[in-house]
Amino acid sequence: MSDPNAKPFMEHLDDLRWVLVKSALALAIGVTLCFIYTKKLLNVLEWPLRQAGQDPATIAVVLHPADPFFIQIQISTMGGVILSLPFILYFIAGFILPALTPREKKYLAPVFTAGALLFLIGIAFCYFLVLPQTFAFFIDYNKWMGVQANWTLSNYIDFTVQMLLGLGLAFEFPLVLMLLNILGILPHQSLVEYRRHALVIVVVIAACITPSSDLFSLAVISAPLYVLYEACVWLTWLRELKAGQPPEVLDNTPME
């Protein structure tokens, strides 16, 4: 039986068009604001390097007269995407909300909230801990090798932003596992049994995030991701216990 409140197909297309228009407008406003405040954003991006004991002006250089302009475009575009993303997700949620069941709607707000918090925690962890330690390691390594550290500003920004976004997205890992557990696809016992496989997957994810291939960055990123996996092992056990499901006893024996 058809839903009498269902919209015609053309109205759905019109709603989708407005979602795209509003998303494009939010992106344009975000890019414009970041373009205006590029210098402040650059100071923010250079903070981890200063924490490593280096003056960005003496290390990060440009090689072409037009590089500063293109770097401003680069920063404003990436910043605009990040700034407008919450609004774009809000517009998308408003578009798909009528099609969701009451049970799905109940999980929507917690999922979005948890996803946003995990993303911000991942970025903060990378910004305040991983990046300063990584830059300090590479600077000391360069000194040990007897070479002068001169990085192009563009490469520095690429490295920094890739690390920030990569670790922010990687911290969504627990949310995915919890959703799969709630849907009954990934029970707690499977998380326990596949610990060794998870460790390999975590290392692969860390290798994809890290722009360089050094073991130091790999270890610094892999460690918190695996801790998050272990947290999911406990959280799924508690969730299944609370839901009245009979989860098996946690296996805390060391991995072979």
C-alpha atoms as a PDB file:
ATOM      1  CA  MET A   1       0.000   0.000   0.000  1.00  0.00           C
ATOM      2  CA  SER A   2       1.413   3.352  -0.980  1.00  0.00           C
ATOM      3  CA  ASP A   3       2.036   6.047   1.600  1.00  0.00           C
ATOM      4  CA  PRO A   4      -0.455   8.926   1.105  1.00  0.00           C
ATOM      5  CA  ASN A   5       2.117  11.339   2.538  1.00  0.00           C
ATOM      6  CA  ALA A   6       4.844  10.257   0.124  1.00  0.00           C
ATOM      7  CA  LYS A   7       6.172  13.000  -2.143  1.00  0.00           C
ATOM      8  CA  PRO A   8       6.121  12.681  -5.932  1.00  0.00           C
ATOM      9  CA  PHE A   9       9.433  11.861  -7.585  1.00  0.00           C
ATOM     10  CA  MET A  10       9.839  15.364  -9.027  1.00  0.00           C
ATOM     11  CA  GLU A  11       9.462  16.916  -5.575  1.00  0.00           C
ATOM     12  CA  HIS A  12      12.276  14.679  -4.329  1.00  0.00           C
ATOM     13  CA  LEU A  13      14.431  15.908  -7.202  1.00  0.00           C
ATOM     14  CA  ASP A  14      13.589  19.495  -6.302  1.00  0.00           C
ATOM     15  CA  ASP A  15      14.531  18.850  -2.660  1.00  0.00           C
ATOM     16  CA  LEU A  16      17.806  17.285  -3.798  1.00  0.00           C
ATOM     17  CA  ARG A  17      18.515  20.295  -5.993  1.00  0.00           C
ATOM     18  CA  TRP A  18      18.086  22.623  -3.016  1.00  0.00           C
ATOM     19  CA  VAL A  19      20.371  20.426  -0.909  1.00  0.00           C
ATOM     20  CA  LEU A  20      23.054  20.761  -3.593  1.00  0.00           C
ATOM     21  CA  VAL A  21      22.492  24.528  -3.890  1.00  0.00           C
ATOM     22  CA  LYS A  22      22.694  25.086  -0.123  1.00  0.00           C
ATOM     23  CA  SER A  23      25.745  22.828   0.138  1.00  0.00           C
ATOM     24  CA  ALA A  24      27.503  24.724  -2.658  1.00  0.00           C
ATOM     25  CA  LEU A  25      26.627  28.030  -0.977  1.00  0.00           C
ATOM     26  CA  ALA A  26      27.977  26.809   2.380  1.00  0.00           C
ATOM     27  CA  LEU A  27      31.174  25.662   0.672  1.00  0.00           C
ATOM     28  CA  ALA A  28      31.573  29.008  -1.120  1.00  0.00           C
ATOM     29  CA  ILE A  29      31.108  30.939   2.136  1.00  0.00           C
ATOM     30  CA  GLY A  30      33.592  28.660   3.925  1.00  0.00           C
ATOM     31  CA  VAL A  31      36.220  29.044   1.197  1.00  0.00           C
ATOM     32  CA  THR A  32      35.744  32.833   1.149  1.00  0.00           C
ATOM     33  CA  LEU A  33      36.148  33.149   4.921  1.00  0.00           C
ATOM     34  CA  CYS A  34      39.247  30.954   4.891  1.00  0.00           C
ATOM     35  CA  PHE A  35      40.674  32.959   1.975  1.00  0.00           C
ATOM     36  CA  ILE A  36      40.272  36.166   4.000  1.00  0.00           C
ATOM     37  CA  TYR A  37      41.870  34.653   7.111  1.00  0.00           C
ATOM     38  CA  THR A  38      44.545  32.571   5.369  1.00  0.00           C
ATOM     39  CA  LYS A  39      47.378  34.140   7.375  1.00  0.00           C
ATOM     40  CA  LYS A  40      45.754  33.183  10.681  1.00  0.00           C
ATOM     41  CA  LEU A  41      45.103  29.659   9.401  1.00  0.00           C
ATOM     42  CA  LEU A  42      48.724  29.387   8.286  1.00  0.00           C
ATOM     43  CA  ASN A  43      49.857  30.360  11.793  1.00  0.00           C
ATOM     44  CA  VAL A  44      47.628  27.604  13.177  1.00  0.00           C
ATOM     45  CA  LEU A  45      49.106  25.038  10.774  1.00  0.00           C
ATOM     46  CA  GLU A  46      52.645  26.122  11.682  1.00  0.00           C
ATOM     47  CA  TRP A  47      52.099  25.741  15.450  1.00  0.00           C
ATOM     48  CA  PRO A  48      53.246  22.063  15.596  1.00  0.00           C
ATOM     49  CA  LEU A  49      56.497  23.047  13.882  1.00  0.00           C
ATOM     50  CA  ARG A  50      57.081  25.822  16.420  1.00  0.00           C
ATOM     51  CA  GLN A  51      56.396  23.327  19.209  1.00  0.00           C
ATOM     52  CA  ALA A  52      59.172  21.197  17.730  1.00  0.00           C
ATOM     53  CA  GLY A  53      61.534  24.121  18.408  1.00  0.00           C
ATOM     54  CA  GLN A  54      61.771  25.455  14.866  1.00  0.00           C
ATOM     55  CA  ASP A  55      60.924  28.783  13.261  1.00  0.00           C
ATOM     56  CA  PRO A  56      58.689  28.026  10.235  1.00  0.00           C
ATOM     57  CA  ALA A  57      60.173  31.000   8.376  1.00  0.00           C
ATOM     58  CA  THR A  58      63.615  29.369   8.427  1.00  0.00           C
ATOM     59  CA  ILE A  59      62.465  25.919   7.263  1.00  0.00           C
ATOM     60  CA  ALA A  60      59.321  26.228   5.124  1.00  0.00           C
ATOM     61  CA  VAL A  61      60.257  27.980   1.884  1.00  0.00           C
ATOM     62  CA  VAL A  62      58.628  28.739  -1.473  1.00  0.00           C
ATOM     63  CA  LEU A  63      60.319  28.012  -4.787  1.00  0.00           C
ATOM     64  CA  HIS A  64      58.218  30.085  -7.189  1.00  0.00           C
ATOM     65  CA  PRO A  65      57.040  33.728  -7.127  1.00  0.00           C
ATOM     66  CA  ALA A  66      53.393  32.641  -7.442  1.00  0.00           C
ATOM     67  CA  ASP A  67      53.608  29.932  -4.763  1.00  0.00           C
ATOM     68  CA  PRO A  68      52.177  32.107  -1.937  1.00  0.00           C
ATOM     69  CA  PHE A  69      49.015  32.760  -3.971  1.00  0.00           C
ATOM     70  CA  PHE A  70      48.508  29.081  -4.818  1.00  0.00           C
ATOM     71  CA  ILE A  71      49.192  28.162  -1.194  1.00  0.00           C
ATOM     72  CA  GLN A  72      46.483  30.619  -0.151  1.00  0.00           C
ATOM     73  CA  ILE A  73      44.101  28.912  -2.590  1.00  0.00           C
ATOM     74  CA  GLN A  74      45.143  25.528  -1.193  1.00  0.00           C
ATOM     75  CA  ILE A  75      44.583  26.539   2.438  1.00  0.00           C
ATOM     76  CA  SER A  76      41.283  28.310   1.768  1.00  0.00           C
ATOM     77  CA  THR A  77      39.916  25.358  -0.229  1.00  0.00           C
ATOM     78  CA  MET A  78      40.821  22.745   2.380  1.00  0.00           C
ATOM     79  CA  GLY A  79      39.673  24.990   5.214  1.00  0.00           C
ATOM     80  CA  GLY A  80      36.433  25.800   3.401  1.00  0.00           C
ATOM     81  CA  VAL A  81      35.615  22.117   2.974  1.00  0.00           C
ATOM     82  CA  ILE A  82      36.210  21.429   6.672  1.00  0.00           C
ATOM     83  CA  LEU A  83      34.289  24.532   7.774  1.00  0.00           C
ATOM     84  CA  SER A  84      31.270  23.809   5.570  1.00  0.00           C
ATOM     85  CA  LEU A  85      31.159  20.039   6.178  1.00  0.00           C
ATOM     86  CA  PRO A  86      28.881  20.180   9.280  1.00  0.00           C
ATOM     87  CA  PHE A  87      26.368  22.298   7.359  1.00  0.00           C
ATOM     88  CA  ILE A  88      26.504  20.006   4.326  1.00  0.00           C
ATOM     89  CA  LEU A  89      25.926  16.963   6.537  1.00  0.00           C
ATOM     90  CA  TYR A  90      23.021  18.789   8.180  1.00  0.00           C
ATOM     91  CA  PHE A  91      21.433  19.473   4.779  1.00  0.00           C
ATOM     92  CA  ILE A  92      21.913  15.840   3.738  1.00  0.00           C
ATOM     93  CA  ALA A  93      20.418  14.617   7.025  1.00  0.00           C
ATOM     94  CA  GLY A  94      17.386  16.841   6.480  1.00  0.00           C
ATOM     95  CA  PHE A  95      16.936  15.305   3.014  1.00  0.00           C
ATOM     96  CA  ILE A  96      17.117  11.659   4.104  1.00  0.00           C
ATOM     97  CA  LEU A  97      15.351  12.047   7.477  1.00  0.00           C
ATOM     98  CA  PRO A  98      11.771  11.603   6.147  1.00  0.00           C
ATOM     99  CA  ALA A  99      12.752   8.265   4.583  1.00  0.00           C
ATOM    100  CA  LEU A 100      14.098   6.805   7.831  1.00  0.00           C
ATOM    101  CA  THR A 101      12.183   4.515  10.157  1.00  0.00           C
ATOM    102  CA  PRO A 102      11.568   5.619  13.780  1.00  0.00           C
ATOM    103  CA  ARG A 103      14.298   3.198  14.948  1.00  0.00           C
ATOM    104  CA  GLU A 104      16.782   4.653  12.451  1.00  0.00           C
ATOM    105  CA  LYS A 105      15.868   8.215  13.443  1.00  0.00           C
ATOM    106  CA  LYS A 106      16.569   7.323  17.084  1.00  0.00           C
ATOM    107  CA  TYR A 107      20.175   6.464  16.213  1.00  0.00           C
ATOM    108  CA  LEU A 108      20.792   9.360  13.804  1.00  0.00           C
ATOM    109  CA  ALA A 109      21.578  12.114  16.344  1.00  0.00           C
ATOM    110  CA  PRO A 110      23.843   9.945  18.562  1.00  0.00           C
ATOM    111  CA  VAL A 111      25.720   8.658  15.517  1.00  0.00           C
ATOM    112  CA  PHE A 112      26.310  12.169  14.145  1.00  0.00           C
ATOM    113  CA  THR A 113      27.344  13.440  17.589  1.00  0.00           C
ATOM    114  CA  ALA A 114      29.709  10.535  18.236  1.00  0.00           C
ATOM    115  CA  GLY A 115      31.165  10.830  14.740  1.00  0.00           C
ATOM    116  CA  ALA A 116      31.831  14.555  15.154  1.00  0.00           C
ATOM    117  CA  LEU A 117      33.414  14.082  18.597  1.00  0.00           C
ATOM    118  CA  LEU A 118      35.651  11.231  17.441  1.00  0.00           C
ATOM    119  CA  PHE A 119      36.739  13.255  14.409  1.00  0.00           C
ATOM    120  CA  LEU A 120      37.635  16.258  16.587  1.00  0.00           C
ATOM    121  CA  ILE A 121      39.448  14.050  19.122  1.00  0.00           C
ATOM    122  CA  GLY A 122      41.481  12.505  16.300  1.00  0.00           C
ATOM    123  CA  ILE A 123      42.423  15.921  14.929  1.00  0.00           C
ATOM    124  CA  ALA A 124      43.307  17.226  18.412  1.00  0.00           C
ATOM    125  CA  PHE A 125      45.427  14.144  19.148  1.00  0.00           C
ATOM    126  CA  CYS A 126      47.290  14.609  15.880  1.00  0.00           C
ATOM    127  CA  TYR A 127      47.686  18.386  16.238  1.00  0.00           C
ATOM    128  CA  PHE A 128      48.843  18.552  19.861  1.00  0.00           C
ATOM    129  CA  LEU A 129      50.829  15.317  20.125  1.00  0.00           C
ATOM    130  CA  VAL A 130      51.576  13.466  16.892  1.00  0.00           C
ATOM    131  CA  LEU A 131      52.663  16.360  14.655  1.00  0.00           C
ATOM    132  CA  PRO A 132      55.030  18.114  17.120  1.00  0.00           C
ATOM    133  CA  GLN A 133      56.685  14.791  17.986  1.00  0.00           C
ATOM    134  CA  THR A 134      56.906  13.796  14.324  1.00  0.00           C
ATOM    135  CA  PHE A 135      58.511  17.086  13.274  1.00  0.00           C
ATOM    136  CA  ALA A 136      60.926  16.976  16.227  1.00  0.00           C
ATOM    137  CA  PHE A 137      61.920  13.441  15.227  1.00  0.00           C
ATOM    138  CA  PHE A 138      62.571  14.374  11.595  1.00  0.00           C
ATOM    139  CA  ILE A 139      64.472  17.554  12.502  1.00  0.00           C
ATOM    140  CA  ASP A 140      66.734  15.635  14.900  1.00  0.00           C
ATOM    141  CA  TYR A 141      67.167  12.916  12.299  1.00  0.00           C
ATOM    142  CA  ASN A 142      68.203  15.501   9.708  1.00  0.00           C
ATOM    143  CA  LYS A 143      70.770  16.897  12.150  1.00  0.00           C
ATOM    144  CA  TRP A 144      72.088  13.394  12.816  1.00  0.00           C
ATOM    145  CA  MET A 145      72.411  12.852   9.066  1.00  0.00           C
ATOM    146  CA  GLY A 146      74.179  16.208   8.750  1.00  0.00           C
ATOM    147  CA  VAL A 147      71.640  17.704   6.335  1.00  0.00           C
ATOM    148  CA  GLN A 148      69.792  21.019   6.443  1.00  0.00           C
ATOM    149  CA  ALA A 149      65.990  20.821   6.791  1.00  0.00           C
ATOM    150  CA  ASN A 150      64.423  22.988   4.070  1.00  0.00           C
ATOM    151  CA  TRP A 151      60.853  22.026   3.210  1.00  0.00           C
ATOM    152  CA  THR A 152      58.610  23.742   0.706  1.00  0.00           C
ATOM    153  CA  LEU A 153      55.643  25.389   2.388  1.00  0.00           C
ATOM    154  CA  SER A 154      53.272  23.539   0.064  1.00  0.00           C
ATOM    155  CA  ASN A 155      54.717  20.148   1.029  1.00  0.00           C
ATOM    156  CA  TYR A 156      54.584  21.067   4.707  1.00  0.00           C
ATOM    157  CA  ILE A 157      50.894  22.000   4.448  1.00  0.00           C
ATOM    158  CA  ASP A 158      50.102  18.837   2.473  1.00  0.00           C
ATOM    159  CA  PHE A 159      51.845  16.702   5.102  1.00  0.00           C
ATOM    160  CA  THR A 160      50.153  18.467   8.022  1.00  0.00           C
ATOM    161  CA  VAL A 161      46.630  18.472   6.575  1.00  0.00           C
ATOM    162  CA  GLN A 162      46.891  14.861   5.410  1.00  0.00           C
ATOM    163  CA  MET A 163      47.943  13.796   8.893  1.00  0.00           C
ATOM    164  CA  LEU A 164      45.153  15.823  10.551  1.00  0.00           C
ATOM    165  CA  LEU A 165      42.363  14.615   8.275  1.00  0.00           C
ATOM    166  CA  GLY A 166      43.712  11.087   8.129  1.00  0.00           C
ATOM    167  CA  LEU A 167      43.836  10.664  11.888  1.00  0.00           C
ATOM    168  CA  GLY A 168      40.475  12.402  12.287  1.00  0.00           C
ATOM    169  CA  LEU A 169      38.876   9.917   9.884  1.00  0.00           C
ATOM    170  CA  ALA A 170      40.766   6.982  11.414  1.00  0.00           C
ATOM    171  CA  PHE A 171      39.233   7.812  14.794  1.00  0.00           C
ATOM    172  CA  GLU A 172      35.823   7.030  13.225  1.00  0.00           C
ATOM    173  CA  PHE A 173      36.969   3.384  13.299  1.00  0.00           C
ATOM    174  CA  PRO A 174      35.238   2.625  16.664  1.00  0.00           C
ATOM    175  CA  LEU A 175      31.977   4.160  15.447  1.00  0.00           C
ATOM    176  CA  VAL A 176      31.931   1.826  12.445  1.00  0.00           C
ATOM    177  CA  LEU A 177      32.599  -1.191  14.664  1.00  0.00           C
ATOM    178  CA  MET A 178      29.866  -0.197  17.127  1.00  0.00           C
ATOM    179  CA  LEU A 179      27.333   0.338  14.323  1.00  0.00           C
ATOM    180  CA  LEU A 180      28.140  -3.080  12.874  1.00  0.00           C
ATOM    181  CA  ASN A 181      27.679  -4.559  16.341  1.00  0.00           C
ATOM    182  CA  ILE A 182      24.321  -2.811  16.839  1.00  0.00           C
ATOM    183  CA  LEU A 183      23.140  -4.117  13.463  1.00  0.00           C
ATOM    184  CA  GLY A 184      24.144  -7.631  14.472  1.00  0.00           C
ATOM    185  CA  ILE A 185      26.763  -7.942  11.734  1.00  0.00           C
ATOM    186  CA  LEU A 186      29.802  -7.934  14.023  1.00  0.00           C
ATOM    187  CA  PRO A 187      29.175  -9.569  17.422  1.00  0.00           C
ATOM    188  CA  HIS A 188      31.479  -9.047  20.365  1.00  0.00           C
ATOM    189  CA  GLN A 189      32.968 -12.530  20.130  1.00  0.00           C
ATOM    190  CA  SER A 190      34.133 -11.833  16.561  1.00  0.00           C
ATOM    191  CA  LEU A 191      36.041  -8.771  17.764  1.00  0.00           C
ATOM    192  CA  VAL A 192      37.755 -10.948  20.362  1.00  0.00           C
ATOM    193  CA  GLU A 193      38.637 -13.684  17.882  1.00  0.00           C
ATOM    194  CA  TYR A 194      40.007 -11.328  15.229  1.00  0.00           C
ATOM    195  CA  ARG A 195      42.318  -9.272  17.448  1.00  0.00           C
ATOM    196  CA  ARG A 196      45.430 -10.266  15.504  1.00  0.00           C
ATOM    197  CA  HIS A 197      43.760  -9.448  12.200  1.00  0.00           C
ATOM    198  CA  ALA A 198      42.659  -6.101  13.630  1.00  0.00           C
ATOM    199  CA  LEU A 199      46.241  -5.260  14.576  1.00  0.00           C
ATOM    200  CA  VAL A 200      47.346  -5.846  10.986  1.00  0.00           C
ATOM    201  CA  ILE A 201      44.457  -3.724   9.656  1.00  0.00           C
ATOM    202  CA  VAL A 202      45.337  -0.923  12.104  1.00  0.00           C
ATOM    203  CA  VAL A 203      48.956  -0.904  10.906  1.00  0.00           C
ATOM    204  CA  VAL A 204      47.778  -0.796   7.270  1.00  0.00           C
ATOM    205  CA  ILE A 205      45.439   2.128   8.054  1.00  0.00           C
ATOM    206  CA  ALA A 206      48.274   3.949   9.829  1.00  0.00           C
ATOM    207  CA  ALA A 207      50.550   3.364   6.833  1.00  0.00           C
ATOM    208  CA  CYS A 208      47.908   4.868   4.517  1.00  0.00           C
ATOM    209  CA  ILE A 209      47.514   7.917   6.770  1.00  0.00           C
ATOM    210  CA  THR A 210      51.225   8.585   7.213  1.00  0.00           C
ATOM    211  CA  PRO A 211      52.613  10.526   4.224  1.00  0.00           C
ATOM    212  CA  SER A 212      56.090   9.235   5.080  1.00  0.00           C
ATOM    213  CA  SER A 213      57.021   5.586   5.553  1.00  0.00           C
ATOM    214  CA  ASP A 214      59.029   5.918   8.786  1.00  0.00           C
ATOM    215  CA  LEU A 215      58.414   3.502  11.650  1.00  0.00           C
ATOM    216  CA  PHE A 216      58.149   6.318  14.217  1.00  0.00           C
ATOM    217  CA  SER A 217      55.018   7.876  12.680  1.00  0.00           C
ATOM    218  CA  LEU A 218      53.599   4.415  12.021  1.00  0.00           C
ATOM    219  CA  ALA A 219      53.945   3.430  15.682  1.00  0.00           C
ATOM    220  CA  VAL A 220      52.598   6.745  17.010  1.00  0.00           C
ATOM    221  CA  ILE A 221      49.437   6.412  14.898  1.00  0.00           C
ATOM    222  CA  SER A 222      48.948   2.642  15.237  1.00  0.00           C
ATOM    223  CA  ALA A 223      49.042   2.625  19.044  1.00  0.00           C
ATOM    224  CA  PRO A 224      45.941   4.785  19.732  1.00  0.00           C
ATOM    225  CA  LEU A 225      43.985   3.112  16.930  1.00  0.00           C
ATOM    226  CA  TYR A 226      44.549  -0.312  18.441  1.00  0.00           C
ATOM    227  CA  VAL A 227      43.639   1.047  21.890  1.00  0.00           C
ATOM    228  CA  LEU A 228      40.350   2.227  20.349  1.00  0.00           C
ATOM    229  CA  TYR A 229      39.798  -1.264  18.958  1.00  0.00           C
ATOM    230  CA  GLU A 230      40.296  -2.772  22.410  1.00  0.00           C
ATOM    231  CA  ALA A 231      37.861  -0.186  23.795  1.00  0.00           C
ATOM    232  CA  CYS A 232      35.307  -1.418  21.253  1.00  0.00           C
ATOM    233  CA  VAL A 233      35.834  -4.986  22.473  1.00  0.00           C
ATOM    234  CA  TRP A 234      34.751  -3.900  25.954  1.00  0.00           C
ATOM    235  CA  LEU A 235      31.971  -1.568  24.781  1.00  0.00           C
ATOM    236  CA  THR A 236      30.364  -4.243  22.598  1.00  0.00           C
ATOM    237  CA  TRP A 237      30.536  -6.675  25.527  1.00  0.00           C
ATOM    238  CA  LEU A 238      28.776  -4.151  27.773  1.00  0.00           C
ATOM    239  CA  ARG A 239      26.199  -3.309  25.085  1.00  0.00           C
ATOM    240  CA  GLU A 240      25.302  -6.945  24.478  1.00  0.00           C
ATOM    241  CA  LEU A 241      25.134  -7.554  28.233  1.00  0.00           C
ATOM    242  CA  LYS A 242      22.811  -4.571  28.686  1.00  0.00           C
ATOM    243  CA  ALA A 243      20.667  -5.662  25.733  1.00  0.00           C
ATOM    244  CA  GLY A 244      20.138  -9.052  27.342  1.00  0.00           C
ATOM    245  CA  GLN A 245      22.214 -10.880  24.771  1.00  0.00           C
ATOM    246  CA  PRO A 246      24.492 -13.630  26.087  1.00  0.00           C
ATOM    247  CA  PRO A 247      27.988 -12.359  25.182  1.00  0.00           C
ATOM    248  CA  GLU A 248      30.761 -14.800  25.894  1.00  0.00           C
ATOM    249  CA  VAL A 249      33.322 -13.985  28.562  1.00  0.00           C
ATOM    250  CA  LEU A 250      36.008 -11.576  27.416  1.00  0.00           C
ATOM    251  CA  ASP A 251      39.106 -13.363  26.263  1.00  0.00           C
ATOM    252  CA  ASN A 252      42.010 -11.301  27.579  1.00  0.00           C
ATOM    253  CA  THR A 253      44.677 -13.841  26.799  1.00  0.00           C
ATOM    254  CA  PRO A 254      47.656 -12.369  24.926  1.00  0.00           C
ATOM    255  CA  MET A 255      47.751 -12.680  21.162  1.00  0.00           C
ATOM    256  CA  GLU A 256      49.886 -15.501  19.864  1.00  0.00           C
END
